[in-house]
Amino acid sequence: MASYLITGANRGIGLEYCRQLKSRGDEVIALCRNASQELKELDITIQEGIDITSDESVTALAKTLSNQKIDVLINNAGILKRVTLDNLDFDSIKQQFEVNALGALRITKALLPNLTKGSKVILMTSRMGSIEDNTSGSSYGYRMSKVALSMAGKSLSHDLKSQGIAVAILHPGLVQTRMTNFNQSGITPQQSVTGLLQRIEELNLDNTGNFWHSNGEILPW
């Protein structure tokens, strides 16, 4: 049995991670601001009131979890706000950077003492953060913040390798969640997380730092 900590666990992909990990017998610690009823029904450890953009909140969390070993840290929390060139909302762009990029780095740094040799750090990014794959423009805050998150993941993969900690930068695919307005062209959260967990199982120090689609495809930067 491995121990998994998941941010943004109250719904969508984060909730599905909790479901699948719980069902296979792993220890799950779910982080969120407010726990949904679906999350509460899983009977796992839940830490509510966590604001990953707040140094104070994350520091308090680290103290609470000071004796908790974490085998896999999944930085899943994120937000998507539509920002176009005609409507450049810089406050929205800054907020997406705070949550999508800096929040994940803040959590990872704070919980490094909980990680040991063989632990893994997962950053849930998006192919919308791929510069090469950007064929449609727009979505400035989301795209820019996900590029920053992927760069943080690449740096972490180098900085943590000597400690025996591997890092994966994962794209879940187009998934039918509230974030995508339940896009019917997408796959289900169950399908996405099944693939994501396979990528996590395959992650090691030889392939640390890769940018993967949940289906196993290596994505362009």
N, C-alpha and C. Protein backbone atom coordinates (compact mmCIF):
# COMPACT_ATOMS: atom_id res chain seq x y z
N MET A 1 0.84 -1.20 0.00
CA MET A 1 0.00 0.00 0.00
C MET A 1 0.88 1.24 0.00
N ALA A 2 0.61 2.14 -0.95
CA ALA A 2 1.37 3.38 -1.05
C ALA A 2 0.51 4.54 -0.55
N SER A 3 1.16 5.63 -0.16
CA SER A 3 0.46 6.82 0.31
C SER A 3 0.48 7.90 -0.77
N TYR A 4 -0.69 8.41 -1.10
CA TYR A 4 -0.86 9.42 -2.13
C TYR A 4 -1.47 10.67 -1.52
N LEU A 5 -0.93 11.83 -1.86
CA LEU A 5 -1.53 13.11 -1.49
C LEU A 5 -1.95 13.82 -2.76
N ILE A 6 -3.21 14.27 -2.80
CA ILE A 6 -3.78 14.85 -4.00
C ILE A 6 -4.37 16.22 -3.69
N THR A 7 -3.94 17.25 -4.40
CA THR A 7 -4.54 18.57 -4.24
C THR A 7 -5.71 18.72 -5.21
N GLY A 8 -6.62 19.64 -4.89
CA GLY A 8 -7.78 19.84 -5.76
C GLY A 8 -8.63 18.58 -5.86
N ALA A 9 -8.87 17.95 -4.72
CA ALA A 9 -9.46 16.61 -4.71
C ALA A 9 -10.98 16.60 -4.62
N ASN A 10 -11.62 17.74 -4.56
CA ASN A 10 -13.06 17.75 -4.27
C ASN A 10 -13.94 17.38 -5.44
N ARG A 11 -13.41 17.46 -6.68
CA ARG A 11 -14.23 17.13 -7.84
C ARG A 11 -13.34 16.79 -9.04
N GLY A 12 -13.98 16.39 -10.13
CA GLY A 12 -13.28 16.16 -11.38
C GLY A 12 -12.20 15.10 -11.31
N ILE A 13 -11.06 15.40 -11.90
CA ILE A 13 -9.95 14.45 -11.97
C ILE A 13 -9.41 14.15 -10.57
N GLY A 14 -9.33 15.17 -9.72
CA GLY A 14 -8.83 14.94 -8.36
C GLY A 14 -9.70 13.96 -7.60
N LEU A 15 -11.00 14.11 -7.69
CA LEU A 15 -11.94 13.20 -7.03
C LEU A 15 -11.79 11.80 -7.59
N GLU A 16 -11.63 11.68 -8.90
CA GLU A 16 -11.49 10.36 -9.51
C GLU A 16 -10.18 9.70 -9.11
N TYR A 17 -9.11 10.47 -8.98
CA TYR A 17 -7.87 9.91 -8.43
C TYR A 17 -8.16 9.28 -7.07
N CYS A 18 -8.87 10.01 -6.21
CA CYS A 18 -9.16 9.51 -4.87
C CYS A 18 -9.98 8.23 -4.94
N ARG A 19 -10.98 8.19 -5.81
CA ARG A 19 -11.82 7.00 -5.94
C ARG A 19 -11.01 5.78 -6.34
N GLN A 20 -10.21 5.92 -7.39
CA GLN A 20 -9.48 4.76 -7.90
C GLN A 20 -8.39 4.30 -6.93
N LEU A 21 -7.72 5.23 -6.31
CA LEU A 21 -6.67 4.86 -5.36
C LEU A 21 -7.27 4.21 -4.12
N LYS A 22 -8.38 4.74 -3.64
CA LYS A 22 -9.06 4.14 -2.50
C LYS A 22 -9.52 2.72 -2.82
N SER A 23 -10.07 2.54 -4.01
CA SER A 23 -10.61 1.23 -4.39
C SER A 23 -9.54 0.16 -4.50
N ARG A 24 -8.32 0.57 -4.80
CA ARG A 24 -7.25 -0.43 -4.89
C ARG A 24 -6.46 -0.59 -3.60
N GLY A 25 -6.87 0.13 -2.57
CA GLY A 25 -6.31 -0.08 -1.25
C GLY A 25 -5.17 0.82 -0.84
N ASP A 26 -4.92 1.88 -1.61
CA ASP A 26 -3.85 2.81 -1.24
C ASP A 26 -4.34 3.80 -0.18
N GLU A 27 -3.39 4.37 0.54
CA GLU A 27 -3.71 5.42 1.50
C GLU A 27 -3.83 6.74 0.76
N VAL A 28 -4.92 7.47 0.99
CA VAL A 28 -5.19 8.69 0.25
C VAL A 28 -5.39 9.86 1.21
N ILE A 29 -4.66 10.96 0.94
CA ILE A 29 -4.86 12.21 1.66
C ILE A 29 -5.34 13.22 0.64
N ALA A 30 -6.56 13.71 0.82
CA ALA A 30 -7.18 14.62 -0.14
C ALA A 30 -7.13 16.05 0.39
N LEU A 31 -6.60 16.96 -0.42
CA LEU A 31 -6.53 18.37 -0.06
C LEU A 31 -7.53 19.16 -0.89
N CYS A 32 -8.24 20.08 -0.24
CA CYS A 32 -9.18 20.93 -0.95
C CYS A 32 -9.55 22.12 -0.09
N ARG A 33 -10.20 23.09 -0.68
CA ARG A 33 -10.72 24.21 0.11
C ARG A 33 -12.00 23.80 0.82
N ASN A 34 -12.92 23.17 0.07
CA ASN A 34 -14.17 22.70 0.64
C ASN A 34 -14.47 21.32 0.08
N ALA A 35 -14.64 20.35 0.94
CA ALA A 35 -14.87 18.98 0.51
C ALA A 35 -16.28 18.79 -0.02
N SER A 36 -16.41 18.17 -1.17
CA SER A 36 -17.71 17.84 -1.72
C SER A 36 -18.28 16.62 -0.99
N GLN A 37 -19.57 16.41 -1.13
CA GLN A 37 -20.19 15.25 -0.51
C GLN A 37 -19.62 13.96 -1.09
N GLU A 38 -19.34 13.98 -2.40
CA GLU A 38 -18.76 12.80 -3.04
C GLU A 38 -17.40 12.44 -2.44
N LEU A 39 -16.62 13.45 -2.12
CA LEU A 39 -15.31 13.20 -1.52
C LEU A 39 -15.47 12.66 -0.10
N LYS A 40 -16.38 13.24 0.65
CA LYS A 40 -16.59 12.79 2.02
C LYS A 40 -17.04 11.34 2.08
N GLU A 41 -17.80 10.91 1.10
CA GLU A 41 -18.32 9.55 1.09
C GLU A 41 -17.24 8.49 0.83
N LEU A 42 -16.05 8.91 0.41
CA LEU A 42 -14.99 7.94 0.13
C LEU A 42 -14.31 7.41 1.39
N ASP A 43 -14.53 8.07 2.51
CA ASP A 43 -13.94 7.63 3.79
C ASP A 43 -12.41 7.57 3.69
N ILE A 44 -11.84 8.72 3.29
CA ILE A 44 -10.39 8.86 3.24
C ILE A 44 -10.01 10.07 4.09
N THR A 45 -8.72 10.29 4.26
CA THR A 45 -8.26 11.46 5.02
C THR A 45 -8.43 12.72 4.19
N ILE A 46 -9.13 13.69 4.73
CA ILE A 46 -9.39 14.94 4.01
C ILE A 46 -8.85 16.11 4.82
N GLN A 47 -8.10 16.96 4.15
CA GLN A 47 -7.64 18.21 4.76
C GLN A 47 -8.34 19.36 4.03
N GLU A 48 -9.31 19.96 4.71
CA GLU A 48 -10.07 21.07 4.12
C GLU A 48 -9.43 22.41 4.46
N GLY A 49 -9.90 23.43 3.78
CA GLY A 49 -9.44 24.79 4.07
C GLY A 49 -8.03 25.07 3.58
N ILE A 50 -7.56 24.28 2.62
CA ILE A 50 -6.19 24.45 2.12
C ILE A 50 -6.19 25.41 0.93
N ASP A 51 -5.46 26.50 1.06
CA ASP A 51 -5.31 27.48 -0.01
C ASP A 51 -3.87 27.41 -0.50
N ILE A 52 -3.67 26.81 -1.66
CA ILE A 52 -2.30 26.59 -2.15
C ILE A 52 -1.63 27.88 -2.60
N THR A 53 -2.37 28.99 -2.63
CA THR A 53 -1.75 30.28 -2.97
C THR A 53 -1.28 31.02 -1.72
N SER A 54 -1.51 30.44 -0.54
CA SER A 54 -1.18 31.09 0.72
C SER A 54 0.00 30.41 1.41
N ASP A 55 1.06 31.16 1.67
CA ASP A 55 2.20 30.61 2.41
C ASP A 55 1.76 30.13 3.79
N GLU A 56 0.90 30.90 4.43
CA GLU A 56 0.45 30.56 5.78
C GLU A 56 -0.33 29.25 5.79
N SER A 57 -1.23 29.09 4.84
CA SER A 57 -2.04 27.88 4.77
C SER A 57 -1.18 26.66 4.49
N VAL A 58 -0.25 26.78 3.57
CA VAL A 58 0.59 25.64 3.19
C VAL A 58 1.58 25.30 4.31
N THR A 59 2.10 26.30 5.00
CA THR A 59 2.99 26.07 6.14
C THR A 59 2.26 25.32 7.24
N ALA A 60 1.02 25.71 7.51
CA ALA A 60 0.22 25.02 8.53
C ALA A 60 -0.04 23.58 8.12
N LEU A 61 -0.30 23.36 6.84
CA LEU A 61 -0.51 22.00 6.34
C LEU A 61 0.72 21.15 6.56
N ALA A 62 1.89 21.71 6.23
CA ALA A 62 3.14 20.96 6.39
C ALA A 62 3.35 20.55 7.84
N LYS A 63 3.00 21.41 8.77
CA LYS A 63 3.13 21.08 10.19
C LYS A 63 2.17 19.96 10.57
N THR A 64 0.96 20.01 10.05
CA THR A 64 -0.04 18.98 10.33
C THR A 64 0.42 17.62 9.82
N LEU A 65 1.10 17.62 8.67
CA LEU A 65 1.52 16.37 8.03
C LEU A 65 2.98 16.04 8.30
N SER A 66 3.55 16.63 9.33
CA SER A 66 5.00 16.51 9.54
C SER A 66 5.49 15.07 9.68
N ASN A 67 4.66 14.17 10.18
CA ASN A 67 5.08 12.78 10.36
C ASN A 67 4.51 11.84 9.30
N GLN A 68 3.92 12.41 8.25
CA GLN A 68 3.26 11.62 7.23
C GLN A 68 4.19 11.38 6.03
N LYS A 69 4.52 10.12 5.78
CA LYS A 69 5.31 9.78 4.60
C LYS A 69 4.42 9.85 3.36
N ILE A 70 4.92 10.46 2.31
CA ILE A 70 4.17 10.57 1.05
C ILE A 70 4.95 9.87 -0.05
N ASP A 71 4.35 8.86 -0.64
CA ASP A 71 5.00 8.15 -1.75
C ASP A 71 4.78 8.87 -3.07
N VAL A 72 3.57 9.40 -3.27
CA VAL A 72 3.26 10.10 -4.51
C VAL A 72 2.49 11.38 -4.19
N LEU A 73 3.06 12.51 -4.59
CA LEU A 73 2.43 13.82 -4.41
C LEU A 73 1.86 14.24 -5.76
N ILE A 74 0.53 14.36 -5.84
CA ILE A 74 -0.12 14.72 -7.09
C ILE A 74 -0.64 16.15 -7.00
N ASN A 75 0.03 17.06 -7.69
CA ASN A 75 -0.38 18.47 -7.74
C ASN A 75 -1.44 18.62 -8.83
N ASN A 76 -2.68 18.49 -8.41
CA ASN A 76 -3.80 18.47 -9.37
C ASN A 76 -4.60 19.77 -9.39
N ALA A 77 -4.56 20.54 -8.32
CA ALA A 77 -5.39 21.75 -8.23
C ALA A 77 -5.06 22.72 -9.35
N GLY A 78 -6.09 23.26 -9.96
CA GLY A 78 -5.88 24.22 -11.04
C GLY A 78 -7.17 24.93 -11.40
N ILE A 79 -7.05 26.05 -12.08
CA ILE A 79 -8.22 26.79 -12.54
C ILE A 79 -8.04 27.18 -14.00
N LEU A 80 -9.16 27.33 -14.68
CA LEU A 80 -9.17 27.76 -16.08
C LEU A 80 -10.15 28.91 -16.22
N LYS A 81 -9.64 30.06 -16.67
CA LYS A 81 -10.49 31.22 -16.95
C LYS A 81 -10.16 31.69 -18.36
N ARG A 82 -11.21 31.91 -19.12
CA ARG A 82 -11.03 32.30 -20.52
C ARG A 82 -10.56 33.75 -20.62
N VAL A 83 -9.37 33.94 -21.17
CA VAL A 83 -8.82 35.28 -21.37
C VAL A 83 -8.39 35.41 -22.82
N THR A 84 -9.04 36.32 -23.56
CA THR A 84 -8.73 36.54 -24.96
C THR A 84 -7.96 37.84 -25.13
N LEU A 85 -7.44 38.05 -26.32
CA LEU A 85 -6.70 39.28 -26.61
C LEU A 85 -7.63 40.50 -26.53
N ASP A 86 -8.88 40.30 -26.89
CA ASP A 86 -9.84 41.40 -26.84
C ASP A 86 -10.30 41.70 -25.41
N ASN A 87 -10.05 40.78 -24.52
CA ASN A 87 -10.48 40.96 -23.13
C ASN A 87 -9.37 40.48 -22.20
N LEU A 88 -8.27 41.22 -22.22
CA LEU A 88 -7.12 40.84 -21.40
C LEU A 88 -7.35 41.24 -19.95
N ASP A 89 -7.73 40.28 -19.15
CA ASP A 89 -7.97 40.49 -17.73
C ASP A 89 -6.69 40.08 -16.98
N PHE A 90 -5.86 41.05 -16.65
CA PHE A 90 -4.57 40.73 -16.05
C PHE A 90 -4.69 40.18 -14.64
N ASP A 91 -5.73 40.56 -13.93
CA ASP A 91 -5.95 39.97 -12.60
C ASP A 91 -6.25 38.49 -12.72
N SER A 92 -7.02 38.13 -13.73
CA SER A 92 -7.32 36.72 -13.98
C SER A 92 -6.06 35.94 -14.36
N ILE A 93 -5.23 36.55 -15.19
CA ILE A 93 -3.97 35.90 -15.58
C ILE A 93 -3.09 35.67 -14.36
N LYS A 94 -2.98 36.68 -13.51
CA LYS A 94 -2.17 36.55 -12.29
C LYS A 94 -2.72 35.45 -11.38
N GLN A 95 -4.04 35.38 -11.26
CA GLN A 95 -4.64 34.36 -10.41
C GLN A 95 -4.34 32.96 -10.93
N GLN A 96 -4.37 32.80 -12.24
CA GLN A 96 -4.08 31.48 -12.82
C GLN A 96 -2.61 31.10 -12.61
N PHE A 97 -1.72 32.07 -12.67
CA PHE A 97 -0.32 31.80 -12.34
C PHE A 97 -0.19 31.39 -10.88
N GLU A 98 -0.88 32.09 -9.99
CA GLU A 98 -0.78 31.79 -8.56
C GLU A 98 -1.24 30.37 -8.25
N VAL A 99 -2.35 29.96 -8.85
CA VAL A 99 -2.90 28.64 -8.57
C VAL A 99 -2.17 27.55 -9.38
N ASN A 100 -2.12 27.72 -10.68
CA ASN A 100 -1.65 26.65 -11.56
C ASN A 100 -0.15 26.39 -11.48
N ALA A 101 0.62 27.44 -11.31
CA ALA A 101 2.09 27.29 -11.32
C ALA A 101 2.70 27.43 -9.92
N LEU A 102 2.50 28.58 -9.31
CA LEU A 102 3.14 28.82 -8.01
C LEU A 102 2.55 27.95 -6.91
N GLY A 103 1.26 27.67 -6.98
CA GLY A 103 0.63 26.84 -5.96
C GLY A 103 1.23 25.45 -5.91
N ALA A 104 1.42 24.85 -7.08
CA ALA A 104 2.01 23.51 -7.13
C ALA A 104 3.44 23.51 -6.61
N LEU A 105 4.19 24.54 -6.97
CA LEU A 105 5.58 24.62 -6.51
C LEU A 105 5.62 24.86 -5.00
N ARG A 106 4.70 25.66 -4.49
CA ARG A 106 4.64 25.95 -3.06
C ARG A 106 4.35 24.67 -2.26
N ILE A 107 3.38 23.89 -2.70
CA ILE A 107 3.05 22.63 -2.03
C ILE A 107 4.21 21.65 -2.08
N THR A 108 4.82 21.54 -3.24
CA THR A 108 5.92 20.59 -3.40
C THR A 108 7.08 20.95 -2.49
N LYS A 109 7.44 22.22 -2.45
CA LYS A 109 8.54 22.66 -1.58
C LYS A 109 8.22 22.39 -0.12
N ALA A 110 7.01 22.70 0.30
CA ALA A 110 6.63 22.54 1.70
C ALA A 110 6.62 21.09 2.15
N LEU A 111 6.30 20.18 1.21
CA LEU A 111 6.17 18.77 1.58
C LEU A 111 7.39 17.92 1.21
N LEU A 112 8.46 18.58 0.78
CA LEU A 112 9.68 17.82 0.47
C LEU A 112 10.16 16.96 1.65
N PRO A 113 10.05 17.43 2.90
CA PRO A 113 10.48 16.58 4.02
C PRO A 113 9.67 15.28 4.14
N ASN A 114 8.49 15.25 3.53
CA ASN A 114 7.64 14.05 3.59
C ASN A 114 7.99 13.04 2.51
N LEU A 115 8.82 13.46 1.56
CA LEU A 115 9.20 12.59 0.45
C LEU A 115 10.53 11.91 0.76
N THR A 116 10.68 10.69 0.28
CA THR A 116 11.91 9.93 0.48
C THR A 116 12.37 9.34 -0.84
N LYS A 117 13.49 8.67 -0.82
CA LYS A 117 13.97 8.00 -2.02
C LYS A 117 12.91 7.05 -2.55
N GLY A 118 12.58 7.19 -3.83
CA GLY A 118 11.53 6.38 -4.43
C GLY A 118 10.20 7.09 -4.52
N SER A 119 10.06 8.23 -3.84
CA SER A 119 8.82 9.01 -3.94
C SER A 119 8.71 9.64 -5.34
N LYS A 120 7.49 10.06 -5.68
CA LYS A 120 7.25 10.65 -6.98
C LYS A 120 6.44 11.94 -6.82
N VAL A 121 6.74 12.92 -7.68
CA VAL A 121 6.01 14.18 -7.71
C VAL A 121 5.34 14.30 -9.07
N ILE A 122 4.02 14.53 -9.05
CA ILE A 122 3.25 14.63 -10.28
C ILE A 122 2.70 16.04 -10.42
N LEU A 123 2.89 16.63 -11.60
CA LEU A 123 2.35 17.94 -11.90
C LEU A 123 1.32 17.78 -13.01
N MET A 124 0.06 18.10 -12.69
CA MET A 124 -1.00 18.00 -13.69
C MET A 124 -1.02 19.29 -14.51
N THR A 125 -0.51 19.19 -15.72
CA THR A 125 -0.45 20.35 -16.59
C THR A 125 -1.45 20.17 -17.73
N SER A 126 -1.18 20.68 -18.90
CA SER A 126 -2.07 20.57 -20.05
C SER A 126 -1.28 20.75 -21.32
N ARG A 127 -1.72 20.08 -22.38
CA ARG A 127 -1.05 20.31 -23.66
C ARG A 127 -1.34 21.73 -24.16
N MET A 128 -2.29 22.44 -23.54
CA MET A 128 -2.48 23.85 -23.86
C MET A 128 -1.28 24.67 -23.40
N GLY A 129 -0.41 24.07 -22.60
CA GLY A 129 0.83 24.72 -22.20
C GLY A 129 2.00 24.36 -23.11
N SER A 130 1.72 23.65 -24.19
CA SER A 130 2.76 23.33 -25.16
C SER A 130 2.88 24.47 -26.17
N ILE A 131 4.06 25.04 -26.30
CA ILE A 131 4.26 26.14 -27.26
C ILE A 131 4.14 25.60 -28.68
N GLU A 132 4.74 24.45 -28.94
CA GLU A 132 4.70 23.87 -30.28
C GLU A 132 3.29 23.48 -30.69
N ASP A 133 2.48 23.05 -29.73
CA ASP A 133 1.14 22.54 -30.03
C ASP A 133 0.08 23.64 -30.07
N ASN A 134 0.47 24.88 -29.81
CA ASN A 134 -0.50 25.98 -29.79
C ASN A 134 -0.83 26.39 -31.22
N THR A 135 -1.97 25.93 -31.72
CA THR A 135 -2.39 26.23 -33.09
C THR A 135 -3.63 27.12 -33.13
N SER A 136 -4.08 27.57 -31.95
CA SER A 136 -5.32 28.35 -31.93
C SER A 136 -5.24 29.65 -31.14
N GLY A 137 -4.16 29.87 -30.39
CA GLY A 137 -4.00 31.12 -29.65
C GLY A 137 -4.96 31.25 -28.49
N SER A 138 -5.13 32.49 -28.00
CA SER A 138 -6.04 32.85 -26.92
C SER A 138 -5.71 32.11 -25.62
N SER A 139 -6.65 32.10 -24.67
CA SER A 139 -6.49 31.43 -23.36
C SER A 139 -5.16 31.83 -22.71
N TYR A 140 -4.90 33.13 -22.66
CA TYR A 140 -3.58 33.61 -22.25
C TYR A 140 -3.18 33.18 -20.84
N GLY A 141 -4.04 33.38 -19.88
CA GLY A 141 -3.67 33.03 -18.51
C GLY A 141 -3.44 31.54 -18.33
N TYR A 142 -4.32 30.73 -18.89
CA TYR A 142 -4.21 29.28 -18.73
C TYR A 142 -2.97 28.75 -19.44
N ARG A 143 -2.81 29.13 -20.70
CA ARG A 143 -1.65 28.65 -21.46
C ARG A 143 -0.33 29.07 -20.79
N MET A 144 -0.23 30.34 -20.44
CA MET A 144 1.01 30.85 -19.87
C MET A 144 1.33 30.21 -18.52
N SER A 145 0.30 30.01 -17.70
CA SER A 145 0.53 29.41 -16.37
C SER A 145 0.92 27.95 -16.48
N LYS A 146 0.38 27.25 -17.49
CA LYS A 146 0.72 25.84 -17.66
C LYS A 146 2.13 25.67 -18.24
N VAL A 147 2.57 26.60 -19.07
CA VAL A 147 3.98 26.60 -19.50
C VAL A 147 4.88 26.74 -18.28
N ALA A 148 4.53 27.68 -17.40
CA ALA A 148 5.33 27.90 -16.19
C ALA A 148 5.34 26.67 -15.31
N LEU A 149 4.20 26.00 -15.18
CA LEU A 149 4.13 24.79 -14.37
C LEU A 149 5.02 23.70 -14.94
N SER A 150 4.98 23.53 -16.25
CA SER A 150 5.81 22.50 -16.88
C SER A 150 7.30 22.80 -16.69
N MET A 151 7.67 24.07 -16.77
CA MET A 151 9.07 24.44 -16.55
C MET A 151 9.48 24.15 -15.11
N ALA A 152 8.57 24.43 -14.16
CA ALA A 152 8.86 24.10 -12.77
C ALA A 152 9.07 22.59 -12.62
N GLY A 153 8.25 21.82 -13.29
CA GLY A 153 8.39 20.37 -13.22
C GLY A 153 9.70 19.89 -13.79
N LYS A 154 10.13 20.50 -14.89
CA LYS A 154 11.41 20.10 -15.50
C LYS A 154 12.57 20.41 -14.57
N SER A 155 12.53 21.59 -13.95
CA SER A 155 13.58 21.94 -12.99
C SER A 155 13.56 21.01 -11.78
N LEU A 156 12.37 20.71 -11.28
CA LEU A 156 12.26 19.80 -10.15
C LEU A 156 12.83 18.42 -10.49
N SER A 157 12.64 17.99 -11.73
CA SER A 157 13.14 16.67 -12.11
C SER A 157 14.66 16.60 -12.02
N HIS A 158 15.32 17.72 -12.28
CA HIS A 158 16.78 17.76 -12.14
C HIS A 158 17.18 17.91 -10.67
N ASP A 159 16.51 18.81 -9.96
CA ASP A 159 16.90 19.12 -8.59
C ASP A 159 16.63 17.96 -7.62
N LEU A 160 15.64 17.15 -7.91
CA LEU A 160 15.26 16.07 -7.00
C LEU A 160 15.83 14.70 -7.38
N LYS A 161 16.46 14.62 -8.54
CA LYS A 161 16.96 13.33 -9.00
C LYS A 161 18.00 12.75 -8.05
N SER A 162 18.86 13.58 -7.51
CA SER A 162 19.90 13.10 -6.61
C SER A 162 19.32 12.54 -5.31
N GLN A 163 18.08 12.92 -5.00
CA GLN A 163 17.40 12.41 -3.80
C GLN A 163 16.57 11.16 -4.11
N GLY A 164 16.62 10.73 -5.37
CA GLY A 164 15.88 9.53 -5.75
C GLY A 164 14.40 9.78 -5.96
N ILE A 165 14.03 11.04 -6.23
CA ILE A 165 12.62 11.41 -6.42
C ILE A 165 12.39 11.74 -7.89
N ALA A 166 11.44 11.04 -8.52
CA ALA A 166 11.14 11.25 -9.93
C ALA A 166 9.94 12.19 -10.08
N VAL A 167 9.92 12.90 -11.22
CA VAL A 167 8.88 13.91 -11.47
C VAL A 167 8.25 13.65 -12.84
N ALA A 168 6.93 13.70 -12.89
CA ALA A 168 6.21 13.58 -14.16
C ALA A 168 5.35 14.81 -14.39
N ILE A 169 5.30 15.24 -15.63
CA ILE A 169 4.47 16.37 -16.05
C ILE A 169 3.39 15.77 -16.94
N LEU A 170 2.15 15.75 -16.46
CA LEU A 170 1.10 14.96 -17.10
C LEU A 170 -0.06 15.79 -17.62
N HIS A 171 -0.50 15.44 -18.83
CA HIS A 171 -1.70 16.01 -19.44
C HIS A 171 -2.80 14.96 -19.35
N PRO A 172 -3.96 15.29 -18.78
CA PRO A 172 -4.99 14.28 -18.59
C PRO A 172 -5.78 13.92 -19.83
N GLY A 173 -5.59 14.67 -20.92
CA GLY A 173 -6.44 14.53 -22.08
C GLY A 173 -7.59 15.52 -21.97
N LEU A 174 -8.41 15.57 -22.99
CA LEU A 174 -9.64 16.37 -22.92
C LEU A 174 -10.65 15.55 -22.13
N VAL A 175 -11.01 16.03 -20.95
CA VAL A 175 -11.81 15.24 -20.02
C VAL A 175 -13.15 15.92 -19.77
N GLN A 176 -14.18 15.13 -19.63
CA GLN A 176 -15.53 15.64 -19.37
C GLN A 176 -15.67 16.03 -17.90
N THR A 177 -15.24 17.26 -17.60
CA THR A 177 -15.35 17.78 -16.24
C THR A 177 -15.96 19.18 -16.30
N ARG A 178 -16.23 19.74 -15.14
CA ARG A 178 -16.79 21.09 -15.09
C ARG A 178 -15.85 22.09 -15.75
N MET A 179 -14.54 21.88 -15.63
CA MET A 179 -13.58 22.81 -16.22
C MET A 179 -13.74 22.92 -17.73
N THR A 180 -14.12 21.81 -18.39
CA THR A 180 -14.29 21.80 -19.84
C THR A 180 -15.76 21.88 -20.24
N ASN A 181 -16.62 22.27 -19.28
CA ASN A 181 -18.07 22.30 -19.52
C ASN A 181 -18.58 20.94 -19.97
N PHE A 182 -17.97 19.89 -19.42
CA PHE A 182 -18.38 18.51 -19.70
C PHE A 182 -18.41 18.24 -21.21
N ASN A 183 -17.35 18.66 -21.88
CA ASN A 183 -17.22 18.52 -23.33
C ASN A 183 -17.44 17.06 -23.75
N GLN A 184 -18.45 16.84 -24.57
CA GLN A 184 -18.80 15.47 -24.96
C GLN A 184 -17.80 14.84 -25.92
N SER A 185 -16.86 15.65 -26.42
CA SER A 185 -15.79 15.10 -27.26
C SER A 185 -14.68 14.49 -26.41
N GLY A 186 -14.74 14.74 -25.10
CA GLY A 186 -13.68 14.29 -24.22
C GLY A 186 -13.90 12.89 -23.69
N ILE A 187 -12.89 12.41 -22.98
CA ILE A 187 -12.99 11.11 -22.31
C ILE A 187 -13.53 11.32 -20.90
N THR A 188 -13.93 10.25 -20.26
CA THR A 188 -14.46 10.36 -18.91
C THR A 188 -13.32 10.51 -17.91
N PRO A 189 -13.60 11.07 -16.73
CA PRO A 189 -12.57 11.12 -15.70
C PRO A 189 -12.02 9.73 -15.37
N GLN A 190 -12.87 8.72 -15.41
CA GLN A 190 -12.41 7.36 -15.12
C GLN A 190 -11.35 6.91 -16.13
N GLN A 191 -11.62 7.17 -17.41
CA GLN A 191 -10.66 6.79 -18.45
C GLN A 191 -9.35 7.57 -18.29
N SER A 192 -9.47 8.84 -18.03
CA SER A 192 -8.28 9.68 -17.88
C SER A 192 -7.41 9.21 -16.72
N VAL A 193 -8.01 9.02 -15.56
CA VAL A 193 -7.23 8.67 -14.37
C VAL A 193 -6.65 7.26 -14.49
N THR A 194 -7.35 6.37 -15.14
CA THR A 194 -6.77 5.03 -15.39
C THR A 194 -5.45 5.16 -16.14
N GLY A 195 -5.44 6.00 -17.19
CA GLY A 195 -4.21 6.22 -17.94
C GLY A 195 -3.16 6.96 -17.13
N LEU A 196 -3.58 7.96 -16.37
CA LEU A 196 -2.64 8.73 -15.56
C LEU A 196 -1.95 7.85 -14.53
N LEU A 197 -2.68 6.95 -13.90
CA LEU A 197 -2.08 6.06 -12.91
C LEU A 197 -1.09 5.10 -13.56
N GLN A 198 -1.35 4.73 -14.80
CA GLN A 198 -0.38 3.90 -15.53
C GLN A 198 0.91 4.67 -15.77
N ARG A 199 0.79 5.94 -16.12
CA ARG A 199 1.98 6.76 -16.33
C ARG A 199 2.76 6.91 -15.01
N ILE A 200 2.05 7.07 -13.91
CA ILE A 200 2.71 7.21 -12.62
C ILE A 200 3.44 5.93 -12.25
N GLU A 201 2.85 4.79 -12.55
CA GLU A 201 3.50 3.51 -12.28
C GLU A 201 4.79 3.37 -13.09
N GLU A 202 4.78 3.89 -14.31
CA GLU A 202 5.93 3.77 -15.22
C GLU A 202 7.03 4.78 -14.91
N LEU A 203 6.70 5.79 -14.12
CA LEU A 203 7.66 6.86 -13.84
C LEU A 203 8.84 6.35 -13.01
N ASN A 204 10.05 6.70 -13.43
CA ASN A 204 11.26 6.34 -12.69
C ASN A 204 12.32 7.41 -12.96
N LEU A 205 13.50 7.20 -12.41
CA LEU A 205 14.56 8.20 -12.56
C LEU A 205 15.12 8.27 -13.97
N ASP A 206 14.85 7.25 -14.78
CA ASP A 206 15.33 7.27 -16.17
C ASP A 206 14.43 8.13 -17.06
N ASN A 207 13.14 8.21 -16.73
CA ASN A 207 12.26 9.02 -17.57
C ASN A 207 11.70 10.24 -16.83
N THR A 208 12.32 10.58 -15.71
CA THR A 208 11.88 11.74 -14.94
C THR A 208 11.94 13.01 -15.79
N GLY A 209 10.94 13.88 -15.61
CA GLY A 209 10.91 15.14 -16.35
C GLY A 209 10.18 15.08 -17.67
N ASN A 210 9.63 13.92 -18.04
CA ASN A 210 8.91 13.81 -19.31
C ASN A 210 7.55 14.50 -19.23
N PHE A 211 7.09 14.97 -20.38
CA PHE A 211 5.78 15.61 -20.54
C PHE A 211 4.90 14.60 -21.26
N TRP A 212 4.02 13.95 -20.51
CA TRP A 212 3.23 12.83 -21.01
C TRP A 212 1.75 13.15 -21.15
N HIS A 213 1.13 12.62 -22.19
CA HIS A 213 -0.32 12.51 -22.28
C HIS A 213 -0.73 11.30 -21.44
N SER A 214 -1.95 11.31 -20.93
CA SER A 214 -2.41 10.17 -20.12
C SER A 214 -2.38 8.87 -20.90
N ASN A 215 -2.42 8.94 -22.24
CA ASN A 215 -2.38 7.72 -23.06
C ASN A 215 -0.96 7.21 -23.31
N GLY A 216 0.03 7.89 -22.76
CA GLY A 216 1.41 7.44 -22.89
C GLY A 216 2.22 8.18 -23.93
N GLU A 217 1.57 9.02 -24.73
CA GLU A 217 2.28 9.79 -25.76
C GLU A 217 3.16 10.85 -25.11
N ILE A 218 4.40 10.98 -25.62
CA ILE A 218 5.27 12.07 -25.18
C ILE A 218 4.87 13.32 -25.95
N LEU A 219 4.55 14.38 -25.21
CA LEU A 219 4.05 15.59 -25.85
C LEU A 219 5.18 16.58 -26.14
N PRO A 220 5.00 17.39 -27.17
CA PRO A 220 6.01 18.42 -27.48
C PRO A 220 5.94 19.56 -26.48
N TRP A 221 7.08 20.19 -26.28
CA TRP A 221 7.10 21.34 -25.35
C TRP A 221 6.60 22.61 -26.03
